[in-house]
Amino acid sequence: MLHHASFTGLIKTILIILLVWYGMKILTRLFAPALMRYVAKKAEAKFGQQFGQQFQQKQKQNQQQPSQKEGETVIGKVPESNTSNKNVGEYVDYEEID
């Protein structure tokens, strides 16, 4: 036996979909600002924590280094020796022809 959809069933379905749609829009408008504040506070706390860790690392580095006089230049690390490869090829002199 086949059941056919009725016109009233179609109207009820459309009304339920519209009701849910507008209900979601209203709830989003109500709760979006609170949700955004929550997300912003979490991000601020995370960035603050990362900044605090970097600040503490800098303080530890500064405490480990000996005190320096103002204007004194100090090289923290010795640069690696740059050994150039002498076998890079042959130099060819050329002239431009107009």
PDB file of N, CA and C in Angstrom:
ATOM      1  N   MET A   1       0.839  -1.175   0.000  1.00  0.00           N
ATOM      2  CA  MET A   1       0.000   0.000   0.000  1.00  0.00           C
ATOM      3  C   MET A   1       0.888   1.244   0.000  1.00  0.00           C
ATOM      4  N   LEU A   2       0.631   2.187  -0.838  1.00  0.00           N
ATOM      5  CA  LEU A   2       1.422   3.415  -0.950  1.00  0.00           C
ATOM      6  C   LEU A   2       0.788   4.525  -0.125  1.00  0.00           C
ATOM      7  N   HIS A   3       1.656   5.292   0.532  1.00  0.00           N
ATOM      8  CA  HIS A   3       1.184   6.449   1.289  1.00  0.00           C
ATOM      9  C   HIS A   3       1.613   7.695   0.532  1.00  0.00           C
ATOM     10  N   HIS A   4       0.708   8.593   0.359  1.00  0.00           N
ATOM     11  CA  HIS A   4       1.012   9.830  -0.337  1.00  0.00           C
ATOM     12  C   HIS A   4       1.167  10.954   0.683  1.00  0.00           C
ATOM     13  N   ALA A   5       2.101  11.844   0.432  1.00  0.00           N
ATOM     14  CA  ALA A   5       2.314  12.982   1.319  1.00  0.00           C
ATOM     15  C   ALA A   5       1.167  13.960   1.159  1.00  0.00           C
ATOM     16  N   SER A   6       0.725  14.483   2.277  1.00  0.00           N
ATOM     17  CA  SER A   6      -0.383  15.436   2.229  1.00  0.00           C
ATOM     18  C   SER A   6       0.154  16.857   2.187  1.00  0.00           C
ATOM     19  N   PHE A   7      -0.692  17.739   1.738  1.00  0.00           N
ATOM     20  CA  PHE A   7      -0.319  19.143   1.642  1.00  0.00           C
ATOM     21  C   PHE A   7      -0.080  19.729   3.038  1.00  0.00           C
ATOM     22  N   THR A   8      -0.865  19.334   4.017  1.00  0.00           N
ATOM     23  CA  THR A   8      -0.692  19.859   5.380  1.00  0.00           C
ATOM     24  C   THR A   8       0.620  19.370   5.992  1.00  0.00           C
ATOM     25  N   GLY A   9       1.038  18.164   5.657  1.00  0.00           N
ATOM     26  CA  GLY A   9       2.318  17.661   6.148  1.00  0.00           C
ATOM     27  C   GLY A   9       3.481  18.464   5.599  1.00  0.00           C
ATOM     28  N   LEU A  10       3.380  18.851   4.313  1.00  0.00           N
ATOM     29  CA  LEU A  10       4.409  19.678   3.681  1.00  0.00           C
ATOM     30  C   LEU A  10       4.485  21.046   4.352  1.00  0.00           C
ATOM     31  N   ILE A  11       3.325  21.632   4.616  1.00  0.00           N
ATOM     32  CA  ILE A  11       3.285  22.955   5.275  1.00  0.00           C
ATOM     33  C   ILE A  11       3.868  22.853   6.687  1.00  0.00           C
ATOM     34  N   LYS A  12       3.537  21.811   7.418  1.00  0.00           N
ATOM     35  CA  LYS A  12       4.087  21.632   8.773  1.00  0.00           C
ATOM     36  C   LYS A  12       5.614  21.510   8.725  1.00  0.00           C
ATOM     37  N   THR A  13       6.123  20.755   7.777  1.00  0.00           N
ATOM     38  CA  THR A  13       7.573  20.567   7.650  1.00  0.00           C
ATOM     39  C   THR A  13       8.267  21.889   7.345  1.00  0.00           C
ATOM     40  N   ILE A  14       7.702  22.645   6.424  1.00  0.00           N
ATOM     41  CA  ILE A  14       8.283  23.952   6.071  1.00  0.00           C
ATOM     42  C   ILE A  14       8.239  24.887   7.270  1.00  0.00           C
ATOM     43  N   LEU A  15       7.138  24.907   8.009  1.00  0.00           N
ATOM     44  CA  LEU A  15       7.037  25.774   9.192  1.00  0.00           C
ATOM     45  C   LEU A  15       8.036  25.365  10.279  1.00  0.00           C
ATOM     46  N   ILE A  16       8.236  24.076  10.470  1.00  0.00           N
ATOM     47  CA  ILE A  16       9.215  23.616  11.469  1.00  0.00           C
ATOM     48  C   ILE A  16      10.618  24.041  11.062  1.00  0.00           C
ATOM     49  N   ILE A  17      10.941  23.896   9.782  1.00  0.00           N
ATOM     50  CA  ILE A  17      12.267  24.301   9.300  1.00  0.00           C
ATOM     51  C   ILE A  17      12.464  25.799   9.501  1.00  0.00           C
ATOM     52  N   LEU A  18      11.463  26.599   9.168  1.00  0.00           N
ATOM     53  CA  LEU A  18      11.568  28.059   9.355  1.00  0.00           C
ATOM     54  C   LEU A  18      11.681  28.424  10.836  1.00  0.00           C
ATOM     55  N   LEU A  19      10.912  27.736  11.682  1.00  0.00           N
ATOM     56  CA  LEU A  19      10.967  28.008  13.118  1.00  0.00           C
ATOM     57  C   LEU A  19      12.354  27.703  13.674  1.00  0.00           C
ATOM     58  N   VAL A  20      12.920  26.583  13.295  1.00  0.00           N
ATOM     59  CA  VAL A  20      14.266  26.225  13.744  1.00  0.00           C
ATOM     60  C   VAL A  20      15.276  27.233  13.217  1.00  0.00           C
ATOM     61  N   TRP A  21      15.159  27.628  11.956  1.00  0.00           N
ATOM     62  CA  TRP A  21      16.076  28.590  11.339  1.00  0.00           C
ATOM     63  C   TRP A  21      16.071  29.917  12.093  1.00  0.00           C
ATOM     64  N   TYR A  22      14.864  30.481  12.315  1.00  0.00           N
ATOM     65  CA  TYR A  22      14.793  31.767  13.007  1.00  0.00           C
ATOM     66  C   TYR A  22      15.153  31.634  14.479  1.00  0.00           C
ATOM     67  N   GLY A  23      14.860  30.491  15.079  1.00  0.00           N
ATOM     68  CA  GLY A  23      15.273  30.261  16.458  1.00  0.00           C
ATOM     69  C   GLY A  23      16.791  30.264  16.588  1.00  0.00           C
ATOM     70  N   MET A  24      17.464  29.631  15.634  1.00  0.00           N
ATOM     71  CA  MET A  24      18.933  29.629  15.649  1.00  0.00           C
ATOM     72  C   MET A  24      19.485  31.038  15.456  1.00  0.00           C
ATOM     73  N   LYS A  25      18.871  31.817  14.579  1.00  0.00           N
ATOM     74  CA  LYS A  25      19.332  33.195  14.377  1.00  0.00           C
ATOM     75  C   LYS A  25      19.206  34.020  15.648  1.00  0.00           C
ATOM     76  N   ILE A  26      18.100  33.860  16.343  1.00  0.00           N
ATOM     77  CA  ILE A  26      17.884  34.625  17.576  1.00  0.00           C
ATOM     78  C   ILE A  26      18.865  34.178  18.659  1.00  0.00           C
ATOM     79  N   LEU A  27      19.040  32.876  18.800  1.00  0.00           N
ATOM     80  CA  LEU A  27      19.985  32.376  19.811  1.00  0.00           C
ATOM     81  C   LEU A  27      21.417  32.809  19.487  1.00  0.00           C
ATOM     82  N   THR A  28      21.762  32.814  18.213  1.00  0.00           N
ATOM     83  CA  THR A  28      23.105  33.239  17.821  1.00  0.00           C
ATOM     84  C   THR A  28      23.323  34.703  18.184  1.00  0.00           C
ATOM     85  N   ARG A  29      22.320  35.536  17.936  1.00  0.00           N
ATOM     86  CA  ARG A  29      22.459  36.963  18.280  1.00  0.00           C
ATOM     87  C   ARG A  29      22.574  37.171  19.777  1.00  0.00           C
ATOM     88  N   LEU A  30      21.926  36.312  20.548  1.00  0.00           N
ATOM     89  CA  LEU A  30      21.982  36.460  22.001  1.00  0.00           C
ATOM     90  C   LEU A  30      23.310  35.969  22.574  1.00  0.00           C
ATOM     91  N   PHE A  31      23.785  34.821  22.089  1.00  0.00           N
ATOM     92  CA  PHE A  31      24.939  34.193  22.713  1.00  0.00           C
ATOM     93  C   PHE A  31      26.268  34.464  22.009  1.00  0.00           C
ATOM     94  N   ALA A  32      26.259  35.008  20.817  1.00  0.00           N
ATOM     95  CA  ALA A  32      27.509  35.268  20.092  1.00  0.00           C
ATOM     96  C   ALA A  32      28.432  36.237  20.843  1.00  0.00           C
ATOM     97  N   PRO A  33      27.912  37.358  21.372  1.00  0.00           N
ATOM     98  CA  PRO A  33      28.836  38.257  22.101  1.00  0.00           C
ATOM     99  C   PRO A  33      29.490  37.581  23.309  1.00  0.00           C
ATOM    100  N   ALA A  34      28.731  36.783  24.040  1.00  0.00           N
ATOM    101  CA  ALA A  34      29.307  36.101  25.197  1.00  0.00           C
ATOM    102  C   ALA A  34      30.343  35.081  24.749  1.00  0.00           C
ATOM    103  N   LEU A  35      30.065  34.381  23.675  1.00  0.00           N
ATOM    104  CA  LEU A  35      31.015  33.404  23.143  1.00  0.00           C
ATOM    105  C   LEU A  35      32.288  34.099  22.668  1.00  0.00           C
ATOM    106  N   MET A  36      32.155  35.229  22.012  1.00  0.00           N
ATOM    107  CA  MET A  36      33.329  35.974  21.537  1.00  0.00           C
ATOM    108  C   MET A  36      34.168  36.479  22.710  1.00  0.00           C
ATOM    109  N   ARG A  37      33.515  36.949  23.764  1.00  0.00           N
ATOM    110  CA  ARG A  37      34.262  37.391  24.950  1.00  0.00           C
ATOM    111  C   ARG A  37      35.037  36.224  25.562  1.00  0.00           C
ATOM    112  N   TYR A  38      34.395  35.058  25.626  1.00  0.00           N
ATOM    113  CA  TYR A  38      35.047  33.866  26.180  1.00  0.00           C
ATOM    114  C   TYR A  38      36.276  33.489  25.356  1.00  0.00           C
ATOM    115  N   VAL A  39      36.129  33.488  24.034  1.00  0.00           N
ATOM    116  CA  VAL A  39      37.246  33.133  23.155  1.00  0.00           C
ATOM    117  C   VAL A  39      38.370  34.167  23.291  1.00  0.00           C
ATOM    118  N   ALA A  40      38.008  35.447  23.367  1.00  0.00           N
ATOM    119  CA  ALA A  40      39.023  36.496  23.499  1.00  0.00           C
ATOM    120  C   ALA A  40      39.785  36.370  24.819  1.00  0.00           C
ATOM    121  N   LYS A  41      39.085  36.052  25.900  1.00  0.00           N
ATOM    122  CA  LYS A  41      39.758  35.885  27.198  1.00  0.00           C
ATOM    123  C   LYS A  41      40.716  34.702  27.171  1.00  0.00           C
ATOM    124  N   LYS A  42      40.294  33.602  26.542  1.00  0.00           N
ATOM    125  CA  LYS A  42      41.165  32.430  26.443  1.00  0.00           C
ATOM    126  C   LYS A  42      42.415  32.760  25.635  1.00  0.00           C
ATOM    127  N   ALA A  43      42.237  33.463  24.511  1.00  0.00           N
ATOM    128  CA  ALA A  43      43.384  33.826  23.675  1.00  0.00           C
ATOM    129  C   ALA A  43      44.315  34.769  24.430  1.00  0.00           C
ATOM    130  N   GLU A  44      43.740  35.722  25.163  1.00  0.00           N
ATOM    131  CA  GLU A  44      44.552  36.660  25.940  1.00  0.00           C
ATOM    132  C   GLU A  44      45.365  35.922  26.998  1.00  0.00           C
ATOM    133  N   ALA A  45      44.740  34.968  27.665  1.00  0.00           N
ATOM    134  CA  ALA A  45      45.452  34.201  28.695  1.00  0.00           C
ATOM    135  C   ALA A  45      46.579  33.384  28.068  1.00  0.00           C
ATOM    136  N   LYS A  46      46.322  32.801  26.915  1.00  0.00           N
ATOM    137  CA  LYS A  46      47.348  32.000  26.249  1.00  0.00           C
ATOM    138  C   LYS A  46      48.527  32.868  25.812  1.00  0.00           C
ATOM    139  N   PHE A  47      48.225  34.028  25.212  1.00  0.00           N
ATOM    140  CA  PHE A  47      49.301  34.917  24.785  1.00  0.00           C
ATOM    141  C   PHE A  47      50.070  35.465  25.987  1.00  0.00           C
ATOM    142  N   GLY A  48      49.369  35.771  27.059  1.00  0.00           N
ATOM    143  CA  GLY A  48      50.029  36.252  28.263  1.00  0.00           C
ATOM    144  C   GLY A  48      50.957  35.206  28.852  1.00  0.00           C
ATOM    145  N   GLN A  49      50.513  33.955  28.824  1.00  0.00           N
ATOM    146  CA  GLN A  49      51.342  32.870  29.338  1.00  0.00           C
ATOM    147  C   GLN A  49      52.604  32.705  28.486  1.00  0.00           C
ATOM    148  N   GLN A  50      52.457  32.772  27.169  1.00  0.00           N
ATOM    149  CA  GLN A  50      53.614  32.652  26.285  1.00  0.00           C
ATOM    150  C   GLN A  50      54.572  33.822  26.499  1.00  0.00           C
ATOM    151  N   PHE A  51      54.029  35.030  26.659  1.00  0.00           N
ATOM    152  CA  PHE A  51      54.870  36.193  26.903  1.00  0.00           C
ATOM    153  C   PHE A  51      55.629  36.045  28.215  1.00  0.00           C
ATOM    154  N   GLY A  52      54.940  35.545  29.240  1.00  0.00           N
ATOM    155  CA  GLY A  52      55.581  35.355  30.538  1.00  0.00           C
ATOM    156  C   GLY A  52      56.729  34.363  30.461  1.00  0.00           C
ATOM    157  N   GLN A  53      56.541  33.286  29.693  1.00  0.00           N
ATOM    158  CA  GLN A  53      57.603  32.298  29.549  1.00  0.00           C
ATOM    159  C   GLN A  53      58.799  32.907  28.831  1.00  0.00           C
ATOM    160  N   GLN A  54      58.557  33.670  27.780  1.00  0.00           N
ATOM    161  CA  GLN A  54      59.663  34.291  27.048  1.00  0.00           C
ATOM    162  C   GLN A  54      60.370  35.317  27.924  1.00  0.00           C
ATOM    163  N   PHE A  55      59.609  36.074  28.711  1.00  0.00           N
ATOM    164  CA  PHE A  55      60.190  37.075  29.590  1.00  0.00           C
ATOM    165  C   PHE A  55      61.072  36.416  30.639  1.00  0.00           C
ATOM    166  N   GLN A  56      60.617  35.293  31.196  1.00  0.00           N
ATOM    167  CA  GLN A  56      61.410  34.578  32.188  1.00  0.00           C
ATOM    168  C   GLN A  56      62.689  34.027  31.570  1.00  0.00           C
ATOM    169  N   GLN A  57      62.609  33.516  30.349  1.00  0.00           N
ATOM    170  CA  GLN A  57      63.798  33.004  29.672  1.00  0.00           C
ATOM    171  C   GLN A  57      64.797  34.137  29.446  1.00  0.00           C
ATOM    172  N   LYS A  58      64.319  35.307  29.049  1.00  0.00           N
ATOM    173  CA  LYS A  58      65.211  36.456  28.840  1.00  0.00           C
ATOM    174  C   LYS A  58      65.890  36.848  30.143  1.00  0.00           C
ATOM    175  N   GLN A  59      65.121  36.838  31.253  1.00  0.00           N
ATOM    176  CA  GLN A  59      65.712  37.200  32.537  1.00  0.00           C
ATOM    177  C   GLN A  59      66.797  36.202  32.939  1.00  0.00           C
ATOM    178  N   LYS A  60      66.547  34.917  32.699  1.00  0.00           N
ATOM    179  CA  LYS A  60      67.555  33.903  33.026  1.00  0.00           C
ATOM    180  C   LYS A  60      68.807  34.110  32.200  1.00  0.00           C
ATOM    181  N   GLN A  61      68.650  34.443  30.922  1.00  0.00           N
ATOM    182  CA  GLN A  61      69.800  34.672  30.056  1.00  0.00           C
ATOM    183  C   GLN A  61      70.577  35.891  30.528  1.00  0.00           C
ATOM    184  N   ASN A  62      69.860  36.936  30.908  1.00  0.00           N
ATOM    185  CA  ASN A  62      70.530  38.149  31.376  1.00  0.00           C
ATOM    186  C   ASN A  62      71.266  37.911  32.691  1.00  0.00           C
ATOM    187  N   GLN A  63      70.730  37.068  33.555  1.00  0.00           N
ATOM    188  CA  GLN A  63      71.394  36.780  34.818  1.00  0.00           C
ATOM    189  C   GLN A  63      72.638  35.924  34.604  1.00  0.00           C
ATOM    190  N   GLN A  64      72.635  35.073  33.614  1.00  0.00           N
ATOM    191  CA  GLN A  64      73.766  34.200  33.357  1.00  0.00           C
ATOM    192  C   GLN A  64      74.922  34.958  32.719  1.00  0.00           C
ATOM    193  N   GLN A  65      74.629  35.994  31.947  1.00  0.00           N
ATOM    194  CA  GLN A  65      75.684  36.760  31.286  1.00  0.00           C
ATOM    195  C   GLN A  65      76.314  37.726  32.291  1.00  0.00           C
ATOM    196  N   PRO A  66      77.622  37.906  32.208  1.00  0.00           N
ATOM    197  CA  PRO A  66      78.258  38.866  33.116  1.00  0.00           C
ATOM    198  C   PRO A  66      77.821  40.284  32.756  1.00  0.00           C
ATOM    199  N   SER A  67      77.875  41.153  33.773  1.00  0.00           N
ATOM    200  CA  SER A  67      77.456  42.528  33.532  1.00  0.00           C
ATOM    201  C   SER A  67      78.442  43.218  32.580  1.00  0.00           C
ATOM    202  N   GLN A  68      77.904  44.090  31.752  1.00  0.00           N
ATOM    203  CA  GLN A  68      78.720  44.776  30.756  1.00  0.00           C
ATOM    204  C   GLN A  68      78.641  46.276  30.996  1.00  0.00           C
ATOM    205  N   LYS A  69      79.701  46.959  30.623  1.00  0.00           N
ATOM    206  CA  LYS A  69      79.703  48.407  30.722  1.00  0.00           C
ATOM    207  C   LYS A  69      78.887  48.974  29.571  1.00  0.00           C
ATOM    208  N   GLU A  70      78.323  50.132  29.784  1.00  0.00           N
ATOM    209  CA  GLU A  70      77.518  50.759  28.751  1.00  0.00           C
ATOM    210  C   GLU A  70      78.408  51.152  27.574  1.00  0.00           C
ATOM    211  N   GLY A  71      77.972  50.844  26.380  1.00  0.00           N
ATOM    212  CA  GLY A  71      78.730  51.164  25.181  1.00  0.00           C
ATOM    213  C   GLY A  71      79.727  50.096  24.783  1.00  0.00           C
ATOM    214  N   GLU A  72      79.892  49.068  25.607  1.00  0.00           N
ATOM    215  CA  GLU A  72      80.837  48.000  25.309  1.00  0.00           C
ATOM    216  C   GLU A  72      80.211  47.025  24.319  1.00  0.00           C
ATOM    217  N   THR A  73      80.981  46.637  23.328  1.00  0.00           N
ATOM    218  CA  THR A  73      80.501  45.694  22.325  1.00  0.00           C
ATOM    219  C   THR A  73      80.985  44.299  22.673  1.00  0.00           C
ATOM    220  N   VAL A  74      80.055  43.362  22.704  1.00  0.00           N
ATOM    221  CA  VAL A  74      80.394  41.990  23.040  1.00  0.00           C
ATOM    222  C   VAL A  74      79.836  41.094  21.950  1.00  0.00           C
ATOM    223  N   ILE A  75      80.687  40.200  21.452  1.00  0.00           N
ATOM    224  CA  ILE A  75      80.242  39.233  20.456  1.00  0.00           C
ATOM    225  C   ILE A  75      79.922  37.952  21.200  1.00  0.00           C
ATOM    226  N   GLY A  76      78.636  37.527  21.104  1.00  0.00           N
ATOM    227  CA  GLY A  76      78.172  36.386  21.881  1.00  0.00           C
ATOM    228  C   GLY A  76      78.670  35.057  21.371  1.00  0.00           C
ATOM    229  N   LYS A  77      78.884  34.921  20.094  1.00  0.00           N
ATOM    230  CA  LYS A  77      79.344  33.641  19.576  1.00  0.00           C
ATOM    231  C   LYS A  77      80.393  33.878  18.501  1.00  0.00           C
ATOM    232  N   VAL A  78      81.232  32.913  18.349  1.00  0.00           N
ATOM    233  CA  VAL A  78      82.297  33.012  17.353  1.00  0.00           C
ATOM    234  C   VAL A  78      81.735  32.542  16.021  1.00  0.00           C
ATOM    235  N   PRO A  79      81.855  33.359  14.976  1.00  0.00           N
ATOM    236  CA  PRO A  79      81.322  32.927  13.687  1.00  0.00           C
ATOM    237  C   PRO A  79      82.110  31.745  13.139  1.00  0.00           C
ATOM    238  N   GLU A  80      81.403  30.916  12.394  1.00  0.00           N
ATOM    239  CA  GLU A  80      82.067  29.764  11.792  1.00  0.00           C
ATOM    240  C   GLU A  80      83.044  30.257  10.735  1.00  0.00           C
ATOM    241  N   SER A  81      84.159  29.530  10.579  1.00  0.00           N
ATOM    242  CA  SER A  81      85.142  29.958   9.595  1.00  0.00           C
ATOM    243  C   SER A  81      84.581  29.706   8.201  1.00  0.00           C
ATOM    244  N   ASN A  82      84.638  30.726   7.379  1.00  0.00           N
ATOM    245  CA  ASN A  82      84.143  30.606   6.011  1.00  0.00           C
ATOM    246  C   ASN A  82      85.288  30.168   5.120  1.00  0.00           C
ATOM    247  N   THR A  83      85.313  28.933   4.793  1.00  0.00           N
ATOM    248  CA  THR A  83      86.343  28.435   3.887  1.00  0.00           C
ATOM    249  C   THR A  83      85.774  28.489   2.486  1.00  0.00           C
ATOM    250  N   SER A  84      86.402  29.280   1.666  1.00  0.00           N
ATOM    251  CA  SER A  84      85.912  29.401   0.292  1.00  0.00           C
ATOM    252  C   SER A  84      86.517  28.290  -0.557  1.00  0.00           C
ATOM    253  N   ASN A  85      85.752  27.842  -1.477  1.00  0.00           N
ATOM    254  CA  ASN A  85      86.199  26.785  -2.368  1.00  0.00           C
ATOM    255  C   ASN A  85      86.922  27.438  -3.545  1.00  0.00           C
ATOM    256  N   LYS A  86      88.217  27.185  -3.659  1.00  0.00           N
ATOM    257  CA  LYS A  86      89.021  27.810  -4.715  1.00  0.00           C
ATOM    258  C   LYS A  86      88.737  27.186  -6.083  1.00  0.00           C
ATOM    259  N   ASN A  87      88.160  26.022  -6.113  1.00  0.00           N
ATOM    260  CA  ASN A  87      87.893  25.347  -7.372  1.00  0.00           C
ATOM    261  C   ASN A  87      86.476  25.642  -7.858  1.00  0.00           C
ATOM    262  N   VAL A  88      86.177  26.934  -8.027  1.00  0.00           N
ATOM    263  CA  VAL A  88      84.828  27.300  -8.441  1.00  0.00           C
ATOM    264  C   VAL A  88      84.692  27.390  -9.949  1.00  0.00           C
ATOM    265  N   GLY A  89      85.744  27.371 -10.683  1.00  0.00           N
ATOM    266  CA  GLY A  89      85.657  27.431 -12.138  1.00  0.00           C
ATOM    267  C   GLY A  89      86.699  28.366 -12.718  1.00  0.00           C
ATOM    268  N   GLU A  90      86.612  28.550 -13.998  1.00  0.00           N
ATOM    269  CA  GLU A  90      87.582  29.358 -14.716  1.00  0.00           C
ATOM    270  C   GLU A  90      86.965  30.707 -15.053  1.00  0.00           C
ATOM    271  N   TYR A  91      87.754  31.776 -14.870  1.00  0.00           N
ATOM    272  CA  TYR A  91      87.280  33.115 -15.192  1.00  0.00           C
ATOM    273  C   TYR A  91      87.439  33.355 -16.684  1.00  0.00           C
ATOM    274  N   VAL A  92      86.360  33.848 -17.320  1.00  0.00           N
ATOM    275  CA  VAL A  92      86.410  34.129 -18.748  1.00  0.00           C
ATOM    276  C   VAL A  92      86.151  35.608 -18.938  1.00  0.00           C
ATOM    277  N   ASP A  93      87.097  36.313 -19.536  1.00  0.00           N
ATOM    278  CA  ASP A  93      86.951  37.726 -19.848  1.00  0.00           C
ATOM    279  C   ASP A  93      86.144  37.862 -21.123  1.00  0.00           C
ATOM    280  N   TYR A  94      85.266  38.828 -21.171  1.00  0.00           N
ATOM    281  CA  TYR A  94      84.449  38.993 -22.379  1.00  0.00           C
ATOM    282  C   TYR A  94      84.335  40.464 -22.717  1.00  0.00           C
ATOM    283  N   GLU A  95      83.994  40.736 -23.935  1.00  0.00           N
ATOM    284  CA  GLU A  95      83.756  42.104 -24.409  1.00  0.00           C
ATOM    285  C   GLU A  95      82.351  42.170 -24.980  1.00  0.00           C
ATOM    286  N   GLU A  96      81.695  43.322 -24.759  1.00  0.00           N
ATOM    287  CA  GLU A  96      80.372  43.494 -25.338  1.00  0.00           C
ATOM    288  C   GLU A  96      80.520  43.934 -26.795  1.00  0.00           C
ATOM    289  N   ILE A  97      79.718  43.368 -27.641  1.00  0.00           N
ATOM    290  CA  ILE A  97      79.746  43.711 -29.056  1.00  0.00           C
ATOM    291  C   ILE A  97      78.453  44.426 -29.380  1.00  0.00           C
ATOM    292  N   ASP A  98      78.595  45.636 -29.960  1.00  0.00           N
ATOM    293  CA  ASP A  98      77.392  46.411 -30.328  1.00  0.00           C
ATOM    294  C   ASP A  98      76.951  46.110 -31.739  1.00  0.00           C
TER     295      ASP A  98
END
